[in-house]
């Protein structure tokens, strides 16, 4: 797979005016071509078996005509990008949109503990 050329140490602008430096072998999402983003999604989807790593439900693939819903497959950054996490396969997992939104920037261990400790009615 061709990788968009990125200079390690280049500074990128983030939301709310903050900046951070790209790490070695990290791709900036705006520099990735659509085919690269799709390949990255497909690789993570296949690696994680098409199921949310947090709750285990089968996640629906996004695409044309697919309605948004809590079971829609999304890529979740294990170490959030907003906290300096890289855009690499090792930092991405498949998550349903419900779990991805619920987790936010919470630590993975904390989030998994909260999912297992919820009382059932």
PDB file of N, CA and C in Angstrom:
ATOM      1  N   UNK A   1       0.846  -1.182   0.000  1.00  0.00           N
ATOM      2  CA  UNK A   1       0.000   0.000   0.000  1.00  0.00           C
ATOM      3  C   UNK A   1       0.881   1.231   0.000  1.00  0.00           C
ATOM      4  N   UNK A   2       0.584   2.160  -0.879  1.00  0.00           N
ATOM      5  CA  UNK A   2       1.338   3.412  -0.917  1.00  0.00           C
ATOM      6  C   UNK A   2       0.923   4.280   0.252  1.00  0.00           C
ATOM      7  N   UNK A   3       1.886   4.916   0.850  1.00  0.00           N
ATOM      8  CA  UNK A   3       1.627   5.768   2.005  1.00  0.00           C
ATOM      9  C   UNK A   3       1.870   7.208   1.605  1.00  0.00           C
ATOM     10  N   UNK A   4       0.976   8.095   2.025  1.00  0.00           N
ATOM     11  CA  UNK A   4       1.150   9.510   1.740  1.00  0.00           C
ATOM     12  C   UNK A   4       2.437   9.990   2.380  1.00  0.00           C
ATOM     13  N   UNK A   5       3.265  10.733   1.632  1.00  0.00           N
ATOM     14  CA  UNK A   5       4.520  11.193   2.219  1.00  0.00           C
ATOM     15  C   UNK A   5       4.273  12.199   3.329  1.00  0.00           C
ATOM     16  N   UNK A   6       4.850  11.936   4.467  1.00  0.00           N
ATOM     17  CA  UNK A   6       4.723  12.828   5.616  1.00  0.00           C
ATOM     18  C   UNK A   6       6.104  12.988   6.228  1.00  0.00           C
ATOM     19  N   UNK A   7       6.446  14.190   6.553  1.00  0.00           N
ATOM     20  CA  UNK A   7       7.732  14.441   7.183  1.00  0.00           C
ATOM     21  C   UNK A   7       7.565  14.273   8.676  1.00  0.00           C
ATOM     22  N   UNK A   8       8.308  13.336   9.268  1.00  0.00           N
ATOM     23  CA  UNK A   8       8.248  13.146  10.714  1.00  0.00           C
ATOM     24  C   UNK A   8       8.663  14.436  11.382  1.00  0.00           C
ATOM     25  N   UNK A   9       7.919  14.836  12.377  1.00  0.00           N
ATOM     26  CA  UNK A   9       8.216  16.065  13.094  1.00  0.00           C
ATOM     27  C   UNK A   9       7.498  17.274  12.542  1.00  0.00           C
ATOM     28  N   UNK A  10       6.779  17.107  11.419  1.00  0.00           N
ATOM     29  CA  UNK A  10       6.022  18.224  10.879  1.00  0.00           C
ATOM     30  C   UNK A  10       4.929  18.594  11.865  1.00  0.00           C
ATOM     31  N   UNK A  11       4.629  19.861  11.970  1.00  0.00           N
ATOM     32  CA  UNK A  11       3.603  20.318  12.895  1.00  0.00           C
ATOM     33  C   UNK A  11       2.270  20.385  12.174  1.00  0.00           C
ATOM     34  N   UNK A  12       1.214  19.854  12.802  1.00  0.00           N
ATOM     35  CA  UNK A  12      -0.124  19.919  12.238  1.00  0.00           C
ATOM     36  C   UNK A  12      -1.015  20.707  13.188  1.00  0.00           C
ATOM     37  N   UNK A  13      -2.028  21.353  12.632  1.00  0.00           N
ATOM     38  CA  UNK A  13      -2.972  22.126  13.430  1.00  0.00           C
ATOM     39  C   UNK A  13      -4.158  21.247  13.776  1.00  0.00           C
ATOM     40  N   UNK A  14      -4.566  21.259  15.023  1.00  0.00           N
ATOM     41  CA  UNK A  14      -5.691  20.473  15.504  1.00  0.00           C
ATOM     42  C   UNK A  14      -6.862  21.396  15.804  1.00  0.00           C
ATOM     43  N   UNK A  15      -7.971  20.808  16.209  1.00  0.00           N
ATOM     44  CA  UNK A  15      -9.141  21.586  16.599  1.00  0.00           C
ATOM     45  C   UNK A  15      -8.797  22.510  17.756  1.00  0.00           C
ATOM     46  N   UNK A  16      -9.509  23.578  17.862  1.00  0.00           N
ATOM     47  CA  UNK A  16      -9.353  24.565  18.940  1.00  0.00           C
ATOM     48  C   UNK A  16      -7.982  25.247  18.918  1.00  0.00           C
ATOM     49  N   UNK A  17      -7.338  25.287  17.738  1.00  0.00           N
ATOM     50  CA  UNK A  17      -6.118  26.063  17.591  1.00  0.00           C
ATOM     51  C   UNK A  17      -4.860  25.429  18.149  1.00  0.00           C
ATOM     52  N   UNK A  18      -4.938  24.219  18.716  1.00  0.00           N
ATOM     53  CA  UNK A  18      -3.732  23.592  19.245  1.00  0.00           C
ATOM     54  C   UNK A  18      -2.973  22.911  18.104  1.00  0.00           C
ATOM     55  N   UNK A  19      -1.738  22.577  18.359  1.00  0.00           N
ATOM     56  CA  UNK A  19      -0.932  21.900  17.351  1.00  0.00           C
ATOM     57  C   UNK A  19      -0.210  20.724  17.989  1.00  0.00           C
ATOM     58  N   UNK A  20       0.275  19.812  17.169  1.00  0.00           N
ATOM     59  CA  UNK A  20       1.126  18.736  17.654  1.00  0.00           C
ATOM     60  C   UNK A  20       2.006  18.268  16.508  1.00  0.00           C
ATOM     61  N   UNK A  21       3.071  17.565  16.858  1.00  0.00           N
ATOM     62  CA  UNK A  21       4.012  17.080  15.855  1.00  0.00           C
ATOM     63  C   UNK A  21       3.642  15.657  15.437  1.00  0.00           C
ATOM     64  N   UNK A  22       3.764  15.400  14.130  1.00  0.00           N
ATOM     65  CA  UNK A  22       3.540  14.045  13.642  1.00  0.00           C
ATOM     66  C   UNK A  22       4.677  13.152  14.097  1.00  0.00           C
ATOM     67  N   UNK A  23       4.358  11.924  14.429  1.00  0.00           N
ATOM     68  CA  UNK A  23       5.360  10.959  14.848  1.00  0.00           C
ATOM     69  C   UNK A  23       5.819  10.145  13.644  1.00  0.00           C
ATOM     70  N   UNK A  24       6.907   9.423  13.796  1.00  0.00           N
ATOM     71  CA  UNK A  24       7.448   8.615  12.714  1.00  0.00           C
ATOM     72  C   UNK A  24       6.397   7.612  12.222  1.00  0.00           C
ATOM     73  N   UNK A  25       6.294   7.440  10.920  1.00  0.00           N
ATOM     74  CA  UNK A  25       5.353   6.511  10.273  1.00  0.00           C
ATOM     75  C   UNK A  25       3.892   6.851  10.531  1.00  0.00           C
ATOM     76  N   UNK A  26       3.599   8.087  10.825  1.00  0.00           N
ATOM     77  CA  UNK A  26       2.219   8.496  11.063  1.00  0.00           C
ATOM     78  C   UNK A  26       1.707   9.240   9.841  1.00  0.00           C
ATOM     79  N   UNK A  27       0.456   8.965   9.488  1.00  0.00           N
ATOM     80  CA  UNK A  27      -0.161   9.608   8.347  1.00  0.00           C
ATOM     81  C   UNK A  27      -1.197  10.615   8.838  1.00  0.00           C
ATOM     82  N   UNK A  28      -1.191  11.790   8.259  1.00  0.00           N
ATOM     83  CA  UNK A  28      -2.210  12.778   8.595  1.00  0.00           C
ATOM     84  C   UNK A  28      -3.457  12.439   7.795  1.00  0.00           C
ATOM     85  N   UNK A  29      -4.653  12.440   8.426  1.00  0.00           N
ATOM     86  CA  UNK A  29      -5.858  12.009   7.720  1.00  0.00           C
ATOM     87  C   UNK A  29      -6.131  12.806   6.455  1.00  0.00           C
ATOM     88  N   UNK A  30      -5.802  14.066   6.421  1.00  0.00           N
ATOM     89  CA  UNK A  30      -6.060  14.865   5.224  1.00  0.00           C
ATOM     90  C   UNK A  30      -5.086  14.538   4.105  1.00  0.00           C
ATOM     91  N   UNK A  31      -3.952  13.920   4.433  1.00  0.00           N
ATOM     92  CA  UNK A  31      -2.983  13.550   3.418  1.00  0.00           C
ATOM     93  C   UNK A  31      -3.241  12.159   2.857  1.00  0.00           C
ATOM     94  N   UNK A  32      -4.092  11.382   3.544  1.00  0.00           N
ATOM     95  CA  UNK A  32      -4.428  10.047   3.064  1.00  0.00           C
ATOM     96  C   UNK A  32      -5.458  10.162   1.947  1.00  0.00           C
ATOM     97  N   UNK A  33      -5.247   9.432   0.878  1.00  0.00           N
ATOM     98  CA  UNK A  33      -6.210   9.423  -0.208  1.00  0.00           C
ATOM     99  C   UNK A  33      -7.390   8.540   0.196  1.00  0.00           C
ATOM    100  N   UNK A  34      -8.521   8.739  -0.475  1.00  0.00           N
ATOM    101  CA  UNK A  34      -9.731   7.986  -0.140  1.00  0.00           C
ATOM    102  C   UNK A  34      -9.463   6.491  -0.181  1.00  0.00           C
ATOM    103  N   UNK A  35      -8.742   6.013  -1.175  1.00  0.00           N
ATOM    104  CA  UNK A  35      -8.455   4.584  -1.285  1.00  0.00           C
ATOM    105  C   UNK A  35      -7.641   4.092  -0.091  1.00  0.00           C
ATOM    106  N   UNK A  36      -6.746   4.925   0.417  1.00  0.00           N
ATOM    107  CA  UNK A  36      -5.940   4.550   1.582  1.00  0.00           C
ATOM    108  C   UNK A  36      -6.809   4.466   2.831  1.00  0.00           C
ATOM    109  N   UNK A  37      -7.737   5.426   3.000  1.00  0.00           N
ATOM    110  CA  UNK A  37      -8.643   5.408   4.155  1.00  0.00           C
ATOM    111  C   UNK A  37      -9.531   4.171   4.111  1.00  0.00           C
ATOM    112  N   UNK A  38     -10.037   3.824   2.925  1.00  0.00           N
ATOM    113  CA  UNK A  38     -10.893   2.649   2.781  1.00  0.00           C
ATOM    114  C   UNK A  38     -10.092   1.389   3.092  1.00  0.00           C
ATOM    115  N   UNK A  39      -8.873   1.290   2.588  1.00  0.00           N
ATOM    116  CA  UNK A  39      -8.012   0.131   2.851  1.00  0.00           C
ATOM    117  C   UNK A  39      -7.721   0.002   4.340  1.00  0.00           C
ATOM    118  N   UNK A  40      -7.434   1.123   4.995  1.00  0.00           N
ATOM    119  CA  UNK A  40      -7.180   1.120   6.433  1.00  0.00           C
ATOM    120  C   UNK A  40      -8.407   0.605   7.178  1.00  0.00           C
ATOM    121  N   UNK A  41      -9.602   1.106   6.821  1.00  0.00           N
ATOM    122  CA  UNK A  41     -10.842   0.656   7.451  1.00  0.00           C
ATOM    123  C   UNK A  41     -11.039  -0.839   7.224  1.00  0.00           C
ATOM    124  N   UNK A  42     -10.870  -1.291   5.974  1.00  0.00           N
ATOM    125  CA  UNK A  42     -11.070  -2.702   5.651  1.00  0.00           C
ATOM    126  C   UNK A  42     -10.096  -3.598   6.414  1.00  0.00           C
ATOM    127  N   UNK A  43      -8.842  -3.157   6.551  1.00  0.00           N
ATOM    128  CA  UNK A  43      -7.843  -3.940   7.291  1.00  0.00           C
ATOM    129  C   UNK A  43      -8.236  -4.094   8.759  1.00  0.00           C
ATOM    130  N   UNK A  44      -8.666  -3.009   9.384  1.00  0.00           N
ATOM    131  CA  UNK A  44      -9.049  -3.044  10.797  1.00  0.00           C
ATOM    132  C   UNK A  44     -10.344  -3.843  10.962  1.00  0.00           C
ATOM    133  N   UNK A  45     -11.288  -3.676  10.025  1.00  0.00           N
ATOM    134  CA  UNK A  45     -12.552  -4.417  10.066  1.00  0.00           C
ATOM    135  C   UNK A  45     -12.280  -5.919  10.023  1.00  0.00           C
ATOM    136  N   UNK A  46     -11.412  -6.343   9.106  1.00  0.00           N
ATOM    137  CA  UNK A  46     -11.068  -7.763   8.976  1.00  0.00           C
ATOM    138  C   UNK A  46     -10.314  -8.266  10.204  1.00  0.00           C
ATOM    139  N   UNK A  47      -9.353  -7.478  10.691  1.00  0.00           N
ATOM    140  CA  UNK A  47      -8.557  -7.894  11.854  1.00  0.00           C
ATOM    141  C   UNK A  47      -9.441  -8.129  13.075  1.00  0.00           C
ATOM    142  N   UNK A  48     -10.459  -7.254  13.272  1.00  0.00           N
ATOM    143  CA  UNK A  48     -11.316  -7.342  14.454  1.00  0.00           C
ATOM    144  C   UNK A  48     -12.566  -8.194  14.214  1.00  0.00           C
ATOM    145  N   UNK A  49     -12.623  -8.863  13.069  1.00  0.00           N
ATOM    146  CA  UNK A  49     -13.714  -9.802  12.809  1.00  0.00           C
ATOM    147  C   UNK A  49     -15.070  -9.171  12.560  1.00  0.00           C
ATOM    148  N   UNK A  50     -15.116  -7.880  12.222  1.00  0.00           N
ATOM    149  CA  UNK A  50     -16.384  -7.221  11.928  1.00  0.00           C
ATOM    150  C   UNK A  50     -17.265  -6.973  13.136  1.00  0.00           C
ATOM    151  N   UNK A  51     -16.694  -7.126  14.334  1.00  0.00           N
ATOM    152  CA  UNK A  51     -17.460  -6.927  15.566  1.00  0.00           C
ATOM    153  C   UNK A  51     -16.829  -5.826  16.410  1.00  0.00           C
ATOM    154  N   UNK A  52     -17.659  -5.136  17.152  1.00  0.00           N
ATOM    155  CA  UNK A  52     -17.185  -4.095  18.070  1.00  0.00           C
ATOM    156  C   UNK A  52     -16.285  -4.741  19.126  1.00  0.00           C
ATOM    157  N   UNK A  53     -15.103  -4.186  19.339  1.00  0.00           N
ATOM    158  CA  UNK A  53     -14.180  -4.766  20.327  1.00  0.00           C
ATOM    159  C   UNK A  53     -14.639  -4.501  21.758  1.00  0.00           C
ATOM    160  N   UNK A  54     -15.559  -3.578  21.959  1.00  0.00           N
ATOM    161  CA  UNK A  54     -16.016  -3.239  23.310  1.00  0.00           C
ATOM    162  C   UNK A  54     -17.249  -4.035  23.733  1.00  0.00           C
ATOM    163  N   UNK A  55     -18.259  -4.123  22.853  1.00  0.00           N
ATOM    164  CA  UNK A  55     -19.492  -4.814  23.246  1.00  0.00           C
ATOM    165  C   UNK A  55     -19.724  -6.108  22.480  1.00  0.00           C
ATOM    166  N   UNK A  56     -18.982  -6.344  21.401  1.00  0.00           N
ATOM    167  CA  UNK A  56     -19.048  -7.594  20.669  1.00  0.00           C
ATOM    168  C   UNK A  56     -20.142  -7.728  19.628  1.00  0.00           C
ATOM    169  N   UNK A  57     -20.959  -6.693  19.425  1.00  0.00           N
ATOM    170  CA  UNK A  57     -22.024  -6.817  18.423  1.00  0.00           C
ATOM    171  C   UNK A  57     -21.437  -6.759  17.014  1.00  0.00           C
ATOM    172  N   UNK A  58     -22.074  -7.432  16.046  1.00  0.00           N
ATOM    173  CA  UNK A  58     -21.627  -7.288  14.657  1.00  0.00           C
ATOM    174  C   UNK A  58     -21.863  -5.844  14.210  1.00  0.00           C
ATOM    175  N   UNK A  59     -20.846  -5.234  13.635  1.00  0.00           N
ATOM    176  CA  UNK A  59     -20.940  -3.834  13.213  1.00  0.00           C
ATOM    177  C   UNK A  59     -21.204  -3.766  11.710  1.00  0.00           C
ATOM    178  N   UNK A  60     -22.165  -2.928  11.332  1.00  0.00           N
ATOM    179  CA  UNK A  60     -22.500  -2.756   9.910  1.00  0.00           C
ATOM    180  C   UNK A  60     -21.458  -1.878   9.226  1.00  0.00           C
ATOM    181  N   UNK A  61     -21.070  -2.256   8.017  1.00  0.00           N
ATOM    182  CA  UNK A  61     -20.123  -1.452   7.240  1.00  0.00           C
ATOM    183  C   UNK A  61     -20.813  -0.182   6.761  1.00  0.00           C
ATOM    184  N   UNK A  62     -20.120   0.946   6.830  1.00  0.00           N
ATOM    185  CA  UNK A  62     -20.691   2.172   6.258  1.00  0.00           C
ATOM    186  C   UNK A  62     -20.624   2.114   4.742  1.00  0.00           C
ATOM    187  N   UNK A  63     -21.457   2.867   4.080  1.00  0.00           N
ATOM    188  CA  UNK A  63     -21.441   2.918   2.623  1.00  0.00           C
ATOM    189  C   UNK A  63     -22.612   3.739   2.123  1.00  0.00           C
ATOM    190  N   UNK A  64     -22.725   3.827   0.803  1.00  0.00           N
ATOM    191  CA  UNK A  64     -23.814   4.599   0.205  1.00  0.00           C
ATOM    192  C   UNK A  64     -25.153   3.976   0.582  1.00  0.00           C
ATOM    193  N   UNK A  65     -26.074   4.797   1.041  1.00  0.00           N
ATOM    194  CA  UNK A  65     -27.404   4.326   1.400  1.00  0.00           C
ATOM    195  C   UNK A  65     -27.514   3.699   2.772  1.00  0.00           C
ATOM    196  N   UNK A  66     -26.413   3.604   3.510  1.00  0.00           N
ATOM    197  CA  UNK A  66     -26.452   3.014   4.851  1.00  0.00           C
ATOM    198  C   UNK A  66     -26.827   4.105   5.848  1.00  0.00           C
ATOM    199  N   UNK A  67     -27.882   3.858   6.574  1.00  0.00           N
ATOM    200  CA  UNK A  67     -28.343   4.834   7.571  1.00  0.00           C
ATOM    201  C   UNK A  67     -27.467   4.783   8.808  1.00  0.00           C
ATOM    202  N   UNK A  68     -27.321   5.930   9.456  1.00  0.00           N
ATOM    203  CA  UNK A  68     -26.591   5.962  10.714  1.00  0.00           C
ATOM    204  C   UNK A  68     -27.374   5.218  11.770  1.00  0.00           C
ATOM    205  N   UNK A  69     -26.658   4.615  12.687  1.00  0.00           N
ATOM    206  CA  UNK A  69     -27.295   3.890  13.763  1.00  0.00           C
ATOM    207  C   UNK A  69     -26.255   3.469  14.775  1.00  0.00           C
ATOM    208  N   UNK A  70     -26.692   2.984  15.930  1.00  0.00           N
ATOM    209  CA  UNK A  70     -25.739   2.614  16.978  1.00  0.00           C
ATOM    210  C   UNK A  70     -24.849   1.443  16.605  1.00  0.00           C
ATOM    211  N   UNK A  71     -25.251   0.636  15.599  1.00  0.00           N
ATOM    212  CA  UNK A  71     -24.443  -0.525  15.219  1.00  0.00           C
ATOM    213  C   UNK A  71     -23.560  -0.262  14.003  1.00  0.00           C
ATOM    214  N   UNK A  72     -23.449   0.976  13.571  1.00  0.00           N
ATOM    215  CA  UNK A  72     -22.609   1.324  12.426  1.00  0.00           C
ATOM    216  C   UNK A  72     -21.138   1.232  12.818  1.00  0.00           C
ATOM    217  N   UNK A  73     -20.334   0.563  11.994  1.00  0.00           N
ATOM    218  CA  UNK A  73     -18.912   0.367  12.281  1.00  0.00           C
ATOM    219  C   UNK A  73     -18.152   1.689  12.178  1.00  0.00           C
ATOM    220  N   UNK A  74     -17.320   1.964  13.173  1.00  0.00           N
ATOM    221  CA  UNK A  74     -16.451   3.133  13.168  1.00  0.00           C
ATOM    222  C   UNK A  74     -15.061   2.692  13.615  1.00  0.00           C
ATOM    223  N   UNK A  75     -14.076   3.517  13.309  1.00  0.00           N
ATOM    224  CA  UNK A  75     -12.724   3.268  13.804  1.00  0.00           C
ATOM    225  C   UNK A  75     -12.535   4.107  15.060  1.00  0.00           C
ATOM    226  N   UNK A  76     -12.090   3.460  16.110  1.00  0.00           N
ATOM    227  CA  UNK A  76     -11.848   4.154  17.376  1.00  0.00           C
ATOM    228  C   UNK A  76     -10.351   4.168  17.637  1.00  0.00           C
ATOM    229  N   UNK A  77      -9.843   5.323  18.044  1.00  0.00           N
ATOM    230  CA  UNK A  77      -8.430   5.442  18.399  1.00  0.00           C
ATOM    231  C   UNK A  77      -8.260   5.008  19.845  1.00  0.00           C
ATOM    232  N   UNK A  78      -7.456   3.972  20.076  1.00  0.00           N
ATOM    233  CA  UNK A  78      -7.218   3.476  21.432  1.00  0.00           C
ATOM    234  C   UNK A  78      -6.645   4.601  22.283  1.00  0.00           C
ATOM    235  N   UNK A  79      -5.607   5.249  21.794  1.00  0.00           N
ATOM    236  CA  UNK A  79      -5.067   6.458  22.422  1.00  0.00           C
ATOM    237  C   UNK A  79      -5.614   7.603  21.589  1.00  0.00           C
ATOM    238  N   UNK A  80      -6.565   8.400  22.122  1.00  0.00           N
ATOM    239  CA  UNK A  80      -7.264   9.418  21.328  1.00  0.00           C
ATOM    240  C   UNK A  80      -6.325  10.393  20.616  1.00  0.00           C
ATOM    241  N   UNK A  81      -6.702  10.759  19.384  1.00  0.00           N
ATOM    242  CA  UNK A  81      -5.930  11.728  18.602  1.00  0.00           C
ATOM    243  C   UNK A  81      -5.841  13.055  19.347  1.00  0.00           C
ATOM    244  N   UNK A  82      -6.903  13.420  20.055  1.00  0.00           N
ATOM    245  CA  UNK A  82      -6.905  14.695  20.778  1.00  0.00           C
ATOM    246  C   UNK A  82      -5.885  14.721  21.900  1.00  0.00           C
ATOM    247  N   UNK A  83      -5.421  13.526  22.320  1.00  0.00           N
ATOM    248  CA  UNK A  83      -4.412  13.438  23.372  1.00  0.00           C
ATOM    249  C   UNK A  83      -3.055  13.016  22.804  1.00  0.00           C
ATOM    250  N   UNK A  84      -2.901  13.154  21.485  1.00  0.00           N
ATOM    251  CA  UNK A  84      -1.619  12.862  20.858  1.00  0.00           C
ATOM    252  C   UNK A  84      -1.475  11.471  20.278  1.00  0.00           C
ATOM    253  N   UNK A  85      -2.553  10.711  20.220  1.00  0.00           N
ATOM    254  CA  UNK A  85      -2.486   9.359  19.679  1.00  0.00           C
ATOM    255  C   UNK A  85      -2.231   9.361  18.179  1.00  0.00           C
ATOM    256  N   UNK A  86      -1.442   8.405  17.688  1.00  0.00           N
ATOM    257  CA  UNK A  86      -1.120   8.376  16.260  1.00  0.00           C
ATOM    258  C   UNK A  86      -2.229   7.749  15.423  1.00  0.00           C
ATOM    259  N   UNK A  87      -2.199   8.045  14.133  1.00  0.00           N
ATOM    260  CA  UNK A  87      -3.125   7.441  13.180  1.00  0.00           C
ATOM    261  C   UNK A  87      -2.404   6.248  12.559  1.00  0.00           C
ATOM    262  N   UNK A  88      -2.374   5.148  13.300  1.00  0.00           N
ATOM    263  CA  UNK A  88      -1.733   3.916  12.839  1.00  0.00           C
ATOM    264  C   UNK A  88      -2.668   2.749  13.099  1.00  0.00           C
ATOM    265  N   UNK A  89      -2.481   1.653  12.373  1.00  0.00           N
ATOM    266  CA  UNK A  89      -3.322   0.468  12.568  1.00  0.00           C
ATOM    267  C   UNK A  89      -3.265  -0.038  14.006  1.00  0.00           C
ATOM    268  N   UNK A  90      -2.096   0.067  14.619  1.00  0.00           N
ATOM    269  CA  UNK A  90      -1.940  -0.406  15.996  1.00  0.00           C
ATOM    270  C   UNK A  90      -2.751   0.411  16.989  1.00  0.00           C
ATOM    271  N   UNK A  91      -3.108   1.648  16.622  1.00  0.00           N
ATOM    272  CA  UNK A  91      -3.855   2.523  17.515  1.00  0.00           C
ATOM    273  C   UNK A  91      -5.344   2.549  17.159  1.00  0.00           C
ATOM    274  N   UNK A  92      -5.772   1.742  16.185  1.00  0.00           N
ATOM    275  CA  UNK A  92      -7.167   1.738  15.756  1.00  0.00           C
ATOM    276  C   UNK A  92      -7.822   0.404  16.058  1.00  0.00           C
ATOM    277  N   UNK A  93      -9.084   0.453  16.488  1.00  0.00           N
ATOM    278  CA  UNK A  93      -9.897  -0.744  16.679  1.00  0.00           C
ATOM    279  C   UNK A  93     -11.277  -0.483  16.090  1.00  0.00           C
ATOM    280  N   UNK A  94     -11.991  -1.556  15.786  1.00  0.00           N
ATOM    281  CA  UNK A  94     -13.347  -1.435  15.276  1.00  0.00           C
ATOM    282  C   UNK A  94     -14.297  -1.271  16.453  1.00  0.00           C
ATOM    283  N   UNK A  95     -15.150  -0.278  16.389  1.00  0.00           N
ATOM    284  CA  UNK A  95     -16.135  -0.041  17.450  1.00  0.00           C
ATOM    285  C   UNK A  95     -17.463   0.351  16.819  1.00  0.00           C
ATOM    286  N   UNK A  96     -18.548  -0.080  17.422  1.00  0.00           N
ATOM    287  CA  UNK A  96     -19.852   0.399  16.959  1.00  0.00           C
ATOM    288  C   UNK A  96     -19.929   1.885  17.327  1.00  0.00           C
ATOM    289  N   UNK A  97     -20.746   2.624  16.616  1.00  0.00           N
ATOM    290  CA  UNK A  97     -20.787   4.064  16.867  1.00  0.00           C
ATOM    291  C   UNK A  97     -21.283   4.380  18.276  1.00  0.00           C
ATOM    292  N   UNK A  98     -22.138   3.516  18.832  1.00  0.00           N
ATOM    293  CA  UNK A  98     -22.628   3.752  20.194  1.00  0.00           C
ATOM    294  C   UNK A  98     -21.477   3.704  21.197  1.00  0.00           C
ATOM    295  N   UNK A  99     -20.628   2.665  21.110  1.00  0.00           N
ATOM    296  CA  UNK A  99     -19.489   2.547  22.034  1.00  0.00           C
ATOM    297  C   UNK A  99     -18.459   3.638  21.781  1.00  0.00           C
ATOM    298  N   UNK A 100     -18.208   3.952  20.513  1.00  0.00           N
ATOM    299  CA  UNK A 100     -17.227   4.983  20.181  1.00  0.00           C
ATOM    300  C   UNK A 100     -17.657   6.325  20.771  1.00  0.00           C
ATOM    301  N   UNK A 101     -18.929   6.671  20.613  1.00  0.00           N
ATOM    302  CA  UNK A 101     -19.426   7.942  21.154  1.00  0.00           C
ATOM    303  C   UNK A 101     -19.444   7.935  22.677  1.00  0.00           C
ATOM    304  N   UNK A 102     -19.840   6.814  23.268  1.00  0.00           N
ATOM    305  CA  UNK A 102     -19.902   6.715  24.728  1.00  0.00           C
ATOM    306  C   UNK A 102     -18.514   6.804  25.355  1.00  0.00           C
ATOM    307  N   UNK A 103     -17.531   6.199  24.706  1.00  0.00           N
ATOM    308  CA  UNK A 103     -16.169   6.182  25.262  1.00  0.00           C
ATOM    309  C   UNK A 103     -15.541   7.570  25.237  1.00  0.00           C
ATOM    310  N   UNK A 104     -15.693   8.303  24.149  1.00  0.00           N
ATOM    311  CA  UNK A 104     -15.060   9.622  24.049  1.00  0.00           C
ATOM    312  C   UNK A 104     -13.556   9.507  24.226  1.00  0.00           C
ATOM    313  N   UNK A 105     -12.992  10.216  25.210  1.00  0.00           N
ATOM    314  CA  UNK A 105     -11.550  10.151  25.475  1.00  0.00           C
ATOM    315  C   UNK A 105     -11.233   9.343  26.735  1.00  0.00           C
ATOM    316  N   UNK A 106     -12.233   8.588  27.213  1.00  0.00           N
ATOM    317  CA  UNK A 106     -12.034   7.756  28.400  1.00  0.00           C
ATOM    318  C   UNK A 106     -10.984   6.681  28.106  1.00  0.00           C
ATOM    319  N   UNK A 107     -10.196   6.318  29.090  1.00  0.00           N
ATOM    320  CA  UNK A 107      -9.204   5.252  28.925  1.00  0.00           C
ATOM    321  C   UNK A 107      -9.912   3.942  28.593  1.00  0.00           C
ATOM    322  N   UNK A 108      -9.298   3.131  27.746  1.00  0.00           N
ATOM    323  CA  UNK A 108      -9.900   1.864  27.307  1.00  0.00           C
ATOM    324  C   UNK A 108     -10.249   0.983  28.501  1.00  0.00           C
ATOM    325  N   UNK A 109      -9.323   0.844  29.457  1.00  0.00           N
ATOM    326  CA  UNK A 109      -9.563  -0.020  30.615  1.00  0.00           C
ATOM    327  C   UNK A 109     -10.746   0.477  31.436  1.00  0.00           C
ATOM    328  N   UNK A 110     -10.831   1.780  31.627  1.00  0.00           N
ATOM    329  CA  UNK A 110     -11.932   2.379  32.385  1.00  0.00           C
ATOM    330  C   UNK A 110     -13.255   2.140  31.664  1.00  0.00           C
ATOM    331  N   UNK A 111     -13.252   2.322  30.341  1.00  0.00           N
ATOM    332  CA  UNK A 111     -14.475   2.139  29.566  1.00  0.00           C
ATOM    333  C   UNK A 111     -14.927   0.688  29.602  1.00  0.00           C
ATOM    334  N   UNK A 112     -14.001  -0.248  29.408  1.00  0.00           N
ATOM    335  CA  UNK A 112     -14.373  -1.671  29.447  1.00  0.00           C
ATOM    336  C   UNK A 112     -14.909  -2.058  30.821  1.00  0.00           C
ATOM    337  N   UNK A 113     -14.307  -1.515  31.862  1.00  0.00           N
ATOM    338  CA  UNK A 113     -14.794  -1.799  33.224  1.00  0.00           C
ATOM    339  C   UNK A 113     -16.210  -1.260  33.410  1.00  0.00           C
ATOM    340  N   UNK A 114     -16.485  -0.077  32.871  1.00  0.00           N
ATOM    341  CA  UNK A 114     -17.822   0.506  33.010  1.00  0.00           C
ATOM    342  C   UNK A 114     -18.850  -0.294  32.212  1.00  0.00           C
ATOM    343  N   UNK A 115     -18.434  -0.888  31.077  1.00  0.00           N
ATOM    344  CA  UNK A 115     -19.359  -1.697  30.273  1.00  0.00           C
ATOM    345  C   UNK A 115     -19.723  -2.997  30.991  1.00  0.00           C
ATOM    346  N   UNK A 116     -18.757  -3.593  31.716  1.00  0.00           N
ATOM    347  CA  UNK A 116     -19.021  -4.864  32.385  1.00  0.00           C
ATOM    348  C   UNK A 116     -19.694  -4.680  33.741  1.00  0.00           C
ATOM    349  N   UNK A 117     -19.555  -3.506  34.340  1.00  0.00           N
ATOM    350  CA  UNK A 117     -20.106  -3.301  35.676  1.00  0.00           C
ATOM    351  C   UNK A 117     -21.523  -2.728  35.664  1.00  0.00           C
ATOM    352  N   UNK A 118     -22.075  -2.432  34.478  1.00  0.00           N
ATOM    353  CA  UNK A 118     -23.434  -1.887  34.415  1.00  0.00           C
ATOM    354  C   UNK A 118     -24.438  -2.949  34.842  1.00  0.00           C
ATOM    355  N   UNK A 119     -25.339  -2.596  35.762  1.00  0.00           N
ATOM    356  CA  UNK A 119     -26.350  -3.583  36.201  1.00  0.00           C
ATOM    357  C   UNK A 119     -27.362  -3.842  35.090  1.00  0.00           C
ATOM    358  N   UNK A 120     -27.827  -5.069  34.993  1.00  0.00           N
ATOM    359  CA  UNK A 120     -28.847  -5.400  34.006  1.00  0.00           C
ATOM    360  C   UNK A 120     -30.205  -5.395  34.693  1.00  0.00           C
ATOM    361  N   UNK A 121     -31.207  -4.885  34.003  1.00  0.00           N
ATOM    362  CA  UNK A 121     -32.544  -4.762  34.585  1.00  0.00           C
ATOM    363  C   UNK A 121     -33.407  -5.936  34.238  1.00  0.00           C
TER     364      UNK A 121
END
